[in-house]
Amino acid sequence: MLVLTLLLPLFSLALSLPTALLLQGEVLLPPEGGRRGAACPVRVHLKAPWGLPLSRVAFQLEYQNLFSGQKGRESHSFPLAGGEEWVESAFTSRSFGVVQCRLRYFRGYDLLGLFPIFSRKGGEGTVLCRPAKAEGLGMRGQDAGGEGAEGKSPTGGEVRPYKPGDSLRSIHWKNSARLQTLLVRSEGGGRAGAVVAFDLRRTPEGLQNKLDRAFGLLTELLGQEIACLAMVRQGGGEVNRFPVENKEDLQKLFWTLGEKKPAPADRKSVV
C-alpha cells in the first residue's frame, strides 16, 4: 500500500507530462479592434493534444498598451477534462494604442493536481484600441471645399495648406480654425481633399483628447468622401505625413502611431 501511494504521483506525472508540454493556447482578438474606455473582448482557445485530460490549466493573461505603457493582468485556473476549452475575457484600456495580449506562466497540472508542468506554447496577439469617439465635431453636411466665413469659395473643391502669396480670400476659415493650421481652397475639380494636422505632445490626458478629435475628424471626412493628408508632429519636432483615403489607411495610420510610445517633447519645440 505504501509503495502504491508513492508510485501513484509519479504515474500521474508520467501520464500527464507529454500532454502538458504540448498544451496549446491561442489568443483571439476582434479583427475590427477595440476603442479606448470600452471593454474589448478576448477569447483564449486551449487545446491538449490527443484530447487527454489534465486536472486543470492555469495561466496569466497579460495586457500591455505599447503607446501608453499601461499594463494589466488577470489569473485563470480551471479543469481541462475534455482536452479543449474556451475562455471568455475582456480588458479595458484607458489609452489609445496597440495592445499586446499574451499568456504568461502557461501550465497544466497532472491528473492528481500535484505537479505544475509549464508549456512554451502560450499564444499572444495584438489589437488596436482606437481613440474614443469625439462628439460635436460639426463636420456633418459640410464640404471641405464649400463656402466659408468669407463668402463664396473658388470653383474648386480641394483644400491644401496655405503658402506665402495665397490670397486671404481663399482661406477656408472654418477648417483652419478647427485644425489650427491655415488651409486654402484650391482651383480644380476632382475629389475634395483636406489636411489634418496634429502633434503628439501635451499631457497624457490632453494627448488622448487630441487623438480622439483627430480620429473623429478623419472618420467624418472620409464619410464625406474627402481624401485626407494627415500631418503628425512627433515629440522631437519631426513631421510625418500619411495619406488617408479610406478606412484601411485610417487603421494603418493609428496602428503606426499606437505601436510605440511617443517621443518626449523637445522643450525648444514646445510653443
Protein backbone atom coordinates (compact mmCIF):
# COMPACT_ATOMS: atom_id res chain seq x y z
CA MET A 1 0.00 0.00 0.00
CA LEU A 2 2.83 2.39 0.84
CA VAL A 3 4.55 1.58 -2.44
CA LEU A 4 1.36 2.28 -4.37
CA THR A 5 0.94 5.61 -2.55
CA LEU A 6 4.48 6.60 -3.52
CA LEU A 7 4.20 5.44 -7.12
CA LEU A 8 0.79 6.95 -7.86
CA PRO A 9 2.03 10.58 -8.08
CA LEU A 10 4.88 9.51 -10.36
CA PHE A 11 2.45 7.59 -12.56
CA SER A 12 0.17 10.65 -12.72
CA LEU A 13 3.13 12.88 -13.69
CA ALA A 14 4.38 10.46 -16.36
CA LEU A 15 0.91 10.13 -17.90
CA SER A 16 0.26 13.89 -17.98
CA LEU A 17 3.74 15.15 -18.91
CA PRO A 18 3.51 14.80 -22.74
CA THR A 19 0.06 16.38 -22.81
CA ALA A 20 1.02 19.33 -20.60
CA LEU A 21 4.23 20.05 -22.51
CA LEU A 22 2.33 20.22 -25.80
CA LEU A 23 -0.62 22.13 -24.39
CA GLN A 24 -1.56 24.95 -26.79
CA GLY A 25 -3.11 28.31 -26.03
CA GLU A 26 -4.34 30.70 -28.73
CA VAL A 27 -5.34 34.32 -28.06
CA LEU A 28 -8.18 35.52 -30.34
CA LEU A 29 -8.92 39.26 -30.59
CA PRO A 30 -11.62 41.08 -32.59
CA PRO A 31 -10.31 41.96 -36.09
CA GLU A 32 -12.16 45.27 -36.01
CA GLY A 33 -10.22 46.25 -32.88
CA GLY A 34 -11.49 47.99 -29.79
CA ARG A 35 -11.93 51.52 -28.50
CA ARG A 36 -10.33 53.19 -25.52
CA GLY A 37 -12.55 53.31 -22.47
CA ALA A 38 -14.70 50.42 -23.72
CA ALA A 39 -14.40 46.70 -22.99
CA CYS A 40 -12.55 44.75 -25.70
CA PRO A 41 -13.43 41.03 -25.78
CA VAL A 42 -10.69 38.40 -25.64
CA ARG A 43 -11.10 34.67 -26.30
CA VAL A 44 -8.50 32.10 -25.33
CA HIS A 45 -8.64 28.70 -27.03
CA LEU A 46 -6.95 25.93 -25.05
CA LYS A 47 -6.32 22.54 -26.58
CA ALA A 48 -4.48 19.48 -25.29
CA PRO A 49 -3.06 17.04 -27.87
CA TRP A 50 -4.86 13.75 -28.31
CA GLY A 51 -7.66 15.09 -26.12
CA LEU A 52 -6.07 13.70 -22.97
CA PRO A 53 -7.34 15.31 -19.78
CA LEU A 54 -5.41 17.37 -17.26
CA SER A 55 -6.61 18.10 -13.77
CA ARG A 56 -6.50 21.82 -14.54
CA VAL A 57 -4.84 24.53 -16.60
CA ALA A 58 -3.61 27.84 -15.19
CA PHE A 59 -2.16 30.98 -16.75
CA GLN A 60 -1.97 34.75 -16.51
CA LEU A 61 -3.49 36.82 -19.30
CA GLU A 62 -1.29 39.92 -19.56
CA TYR A 63 -2.15 43.13 -21.38
CA GLN A 64 0.28 45.91 -22.33
CA ASN A 65 -0.54 49.11 -24.21
CA LEU A 66 2.51 49.82 -26.39
CA PHE A 67 1.60 53.52 -26.72
CA SER A 68 0.91 54.46 -23.10
CA GLY A 69 2.76 51.66 -21.30
CA GLN A 70 -0.38 50.73 -19.33
CA LYS A 71 -0.26 47.11 -18.11
CA GLY A 72 -2.75 44.73 -16.59
CA ARG A 73 -3.07 41.04 -15.88
CA GLU A 74 -5.61 38.54 -14.65
CA SER A 75 -5.21 34.95 -13.49
CA HIS A 76 -7.25 31.97 -14.70
CA SER A 77 -7.40 28.38 -13.47
CA PHE A 78 -9.93 25.67 -14.36
CA PRO A 79 -10.15 21.95 -15.21
CA LEU A 80 -9.49 20.69 -18.72
CA ALA A 81 -11.34 17.40 -18.61
CA GLY A 82 -12.35 17.26 -22.29
CA GLY A 83 -8.98 18.21 -23.75
CA GLU A 84 -10.34 21.53 -25.12
CA GLU A 85 -11.71 24.69 -23.54
CA TRP A 86 -12.69 28.25 -24.48
CA VAL A 87 -12.09 31.10 -22.03
CA GLU A 88 -14.02 34.35 -22.39
CA SER A 89 -12.47 37.52 -21.01
CA ALA A 90 -12.16 41.25 -21.73
CA PHE A 91 -9.95 44.22 -20.96
CA THR A 92 -10.47 47.97 -20.94
CA SER A 93 -7.68 50.30 -21.99
CA ARG A 94 -7.74 53.85 -20.68
CA SER A 95 -5.48 54.93 -23.54
CA PHE A 96 -5.45 54.70 -27.30
CA GLY A 97 -2.77 52.37 -28.63
CA VAL A 98 -1.85 48.91 -29.85
CA VAL A 99 -2.45 46.45 -27.02
CA GLN A 100 -0.43 43.27 -26.80
CA CYS A 101 -2.17 40.31 -25.11
CA ARG A 102 -0.22 37.20 -24.17
CA LEU A 103 -0.40 34.12 -21.99
CA ARG A 104 2.19 34.00 -19.19
CA TYR A 105 3.04 31.21 -16.76
CA PHE A 106 1.06 28.88 -19.03
CA ARG A 107 0.94 25.50 -17.32
CA GLY A 108 -1.02 22.31 -16.91
CA TYR A 109 -1.29 20.09 -13.85
CA ASP A 110 -1.06 16.32 -13.75
CA LEU A 111 -4.14 14.18 -13.15
CA LEU A 112 -3.74 14.40 -9.38
CA GLY A 113 -3.11 18.15 -9.48
CA LEU A 114 0.23 17.85 -7.70
CA PHE A 115 2.78 18.99 -10.31
CA PRO A 116 2.71 22.15 -12.45
CA ILE A 117 4.08 21.46 -15.94
CA PHE A 118 4.92 24.60 -17.93
CA SER A 119 4.27 24.78 -21.66
CA ARG A 120 6.06 27.04 -24.14
CA LYS A 121 3.07 27.18 -26.47
CA GLY A 122 1.26 30.06 -24.81
CA GLY A 123 -0.07 32.34 -27.55
CA GLU A 124 -0.22 36.11 -27.95
CA GLY A 125 -1.96 38.66 -30.13
CA THR A 126 -2.22 42.39 -30.75
CA VAL A 127 -5.21 44.64 -31.26
CA LEU A 128 -5.67 48.35 -31.91
CA CYS A 129 -7.69 50.27 -29.32
CA ARG A 130 -8.89 53.21 -31.36
CA PRO A 131 -9.39 56.66 -29.83
CA ALA A 132 -12.75 57.32 -28.21
CA LYS A 133 -15.46 58.76 -30.40
CA ALA A 134 -15.30 62.54 -30.25
CA GLU A 135 -18.68 64.25 -30.38
CA GLY A 136 -19.59 67.66 -31.65
CA LEU A 137 -17.03 67.98 -34.45
CA GLY A 138 -19.57 69.84 -36.56
CA MET A 139 -18.50 68.34 -39.89
CA ARG A 140 -21.73 66.69 -40.97
CA GLY A 141 -23.19 68.17 -44.10
CA GLN A 142 -20.15 70.37 -44.72
CA ASP A 143 -17.74 70.16 -47.62
CA ALA A 144 -14.08 70.92 -47.04
CA GLY A 145 -14.22 72.94 -50.25
CA GLY A 146 -17.60 74.54 -49.55
CA GLU A 147 -18.45 78.10 -48.56
CA GLY A 148 -16.56 79.50 -45.59
CA ALA A 149 -16.92 82.54 -43.37
CA GLU A 150 -15.59 84.89 -46.07
CA GLY A 151 -18.20 84.35 -48.77
CA LYS A 152 -18.19 82.01 -51.77
CA SER A 153 -15.38 79.58 -52.44
CA PRO A 154 -13.45 79.36 -55.71
CA THR A 155 -14.66 76.89 -58.30
CA GLY A 156 -12.50 74.03 -56.99
CA GLY A 157 -13.35 71.69 -54.13
CA GLU A 158 -9.88 70.78 -52.85
CA VAL A 159 -8.23 72.10 -49.71
CA ARG A 160 -4.47 72.45 -49.27
CA PRO A 161 -2.04 74.07 -46.81
CA TYR A 162 -1.56 77.83 -47.06
CA LYS A 163 1.51 79.05 -48.97
CA PRO A 164 3.03 82.56 -48.92
CA GLY A 165 1.39 84.62 -51.61
CA ASP A 166 -2.03 82.92 -51.40
CA SER A 167 -4.96 85.30 -51.33
CA LEU A 168 -6.57 85.79 -47.93
CA ARG A 169 -9.94 85.43 -49.67
CA SER A 170 -9.10 81.79 -50.48
CA ILE A 171 -8.54 80.79 -46.84
CA HIS A 172 -11.06 78.27 -45.52
CA TRP A 173 -11.52 79.87 -42.10
CA LYS A 174 -13.74 77.22 -40.52
CA ASN A 175 -11.43 74.30 -41.25
CA SER A 176 -8.35 76.40 -40.48
CA ALA A 177 -9.71 77.21 -37.02
CA ARG A 178 -10.72 73.60 -36.43
CA LEU A 179 -7.32 72.19 -37.44
CA GLN A 180 -5.28 75.10 -36.06
CA THR A 181 -3.40 75.44 -39.35
CA LEU A 182 -4.12 77.68 -42.36
CA LEU A 183 -5.92 75.90 -45.22
CA VAL A 184 -6.91 77.41 -48.57
CA ARG A 185 -9.31 76.31 -51.27
CA SER A 186 -7.53 75.36 -54.45
CA GLU A 187 -8.65 75.59 -58.07
CA GLY A 188 -9.60 72.47 -60.00
CA GLY A 189 -12.18 69.72 -59.79
CA GLY A 190 -11.84 66.13 -58.70
CA ARG A 191 -12.28 64.62 -55.32
CA ALA A 192 -12.07 67.07 -52.46
CA GLY A 193 -9.07 66.86 -50.13
CA ALA A 194 -8.15 68.10 -46.66
CA VAL A 195 -5.10 68.31 -44.45
CA VAL A 196 -5.47 67.22 -40.82
CA ALA A 197 -2.51 68.28 -38.69
CA PHE A 198 -1.88 67.34 -35.06
CA ASP A 199 1.07 66.61 -32.79
CA LEU A 200 1.89 64.04 -30.12
CA ARG A 201 2.75 66.47 -27.35
CA ARG A 202 0.88 67.68 -24.23
CA THR A 203 -0.05 65.84 -21.05
CA PRO A 204 -1.31 62.24 -21.38
CA GLU A 205 -4.94 63.30 -20.87
CA GLY A 206 -4.64 66.22 -23.30
CA LEU A 207 -2.99 63.96 -25.86
CA GLN A 208 -5.80 61.40 -25.63
CA ASN A 209 -8.41 64.12 -26.21
CA LYS A 210 -6.41 65.41 -29.18
CA LEU A 211 -6.24 61.94 -30.72
CA ASP A 212 -9.98 61.48 -30.13
CA ARG A 213 -10.70 64.64 -32.11
CA ALA A 214 -8.25 63.78 -34.90
CA PHE A 215 -9.72 60.29 -35.30
CA GLY A 216 -13.28 61.62 -35.25
CA LEU A 217 -12.49 64.34 -37.79
CA LEU A 218 -10.74 61.96 -40.18
CA THR A 219 -13.62 59.49 -39.89
CA GLU A 220 -16.19 62.16 -40.77
CA LEU A 221 -14.13 63.50 -43.66
CA LEU A 222 -13.79 60.01 -45.13
CA GLY A 223 -17.53 59.54 -44.65
CA GLN A 224 -18.00 62.54 -46.96
CA GLU A 225 -15.58 61.02 -49.49
CA ILE A 226 -12.92 63.61 -48.75
CA ALA A 227 -9.39 62.27 -49.13
CA CYS A 228 -7.04 63.47 -46.40
CA LEU A 229 -3.39 64.02 -45.70
CA ALA A 230 -2.54 63.55 -42.01
CA MET A 231 0.47 65.53 -40.82
CA VAL A 232 1.69 64.28 -37.43
CA ARG A 233 4.32 66.15 -35.49
CA GLN A 234 6.37 63.95 -33.17
CA GLY A 235 7.69 64.99 -29.77
CA GLY A 236 11.11 65.78 -31.21
CA GLY A 237 9.63 68.15 -33.80
CA GLU A 238 9.82 65.96 -36.93
CA VAL A 239 6.68 65.81 -39.08
CA ASN A 240 5.42 62.57 -40.67
CA ARG A 241 2.87 62.58 -43.49
CA PHE A 242 0.27 59.87 -44.01
CA PRO A 243 -2.20 59.74 -46.92
CA VAL A 244 -5.63 58.74 -45.62
CA GLU A 245 -8.05 57.95 -48.44
CA ASN A 246 -10.07 55.09 -46.94
CA LYS A 247 -10.74 53.23 -43.70
CA GLU A 248 -7.78 50.91 -44.28
CA ASP A 249 -5.44 53.93 -44.45
CA LEU A 250 -7.01 55.30 -41.27
CA GLN A 251 -6.47 51.99 -39.47
CA LYS A 252 -2.87 51.84 -40.71
CA LEU A 253 -2.18 55.42 -39.54
CA PHE A 254 -3.35 54.86 -35.98
CA TRP A 255 -1.76 51.42 -35.81
CA THR A 256 1.58 53.02 -36.74
CA LEU A 257 1.12 55.71 -34.09
CA GLY A 258 -0.10 53.25 -31.45
CA GLU A 259 2.61 50.57 -31.59
CA LYS A 260 5.26 52.60 -29.74
CA LYS A 261 5.50 55.27 -27.08
CA PRO A 262 5.54 58.85 -28.39
CA ALA A 263 8.92 60.55 -28.13
CA PRO A 264 9.15 63.08 -25.27
CA ALA A 265 8.54 66.64 -26.37
CA ASP A 266 11.60 68.74 -27.11
CA ARG A 267 11.31 71.81 -24.86
CA LYS A 268 12.64 74.02 -27.64
CA SER A 269 9.84 72.84 -29.94
CA VAL A 270 7.04 73.47 -27.43
CA VAL A 271 5.22 76.71 -28.09
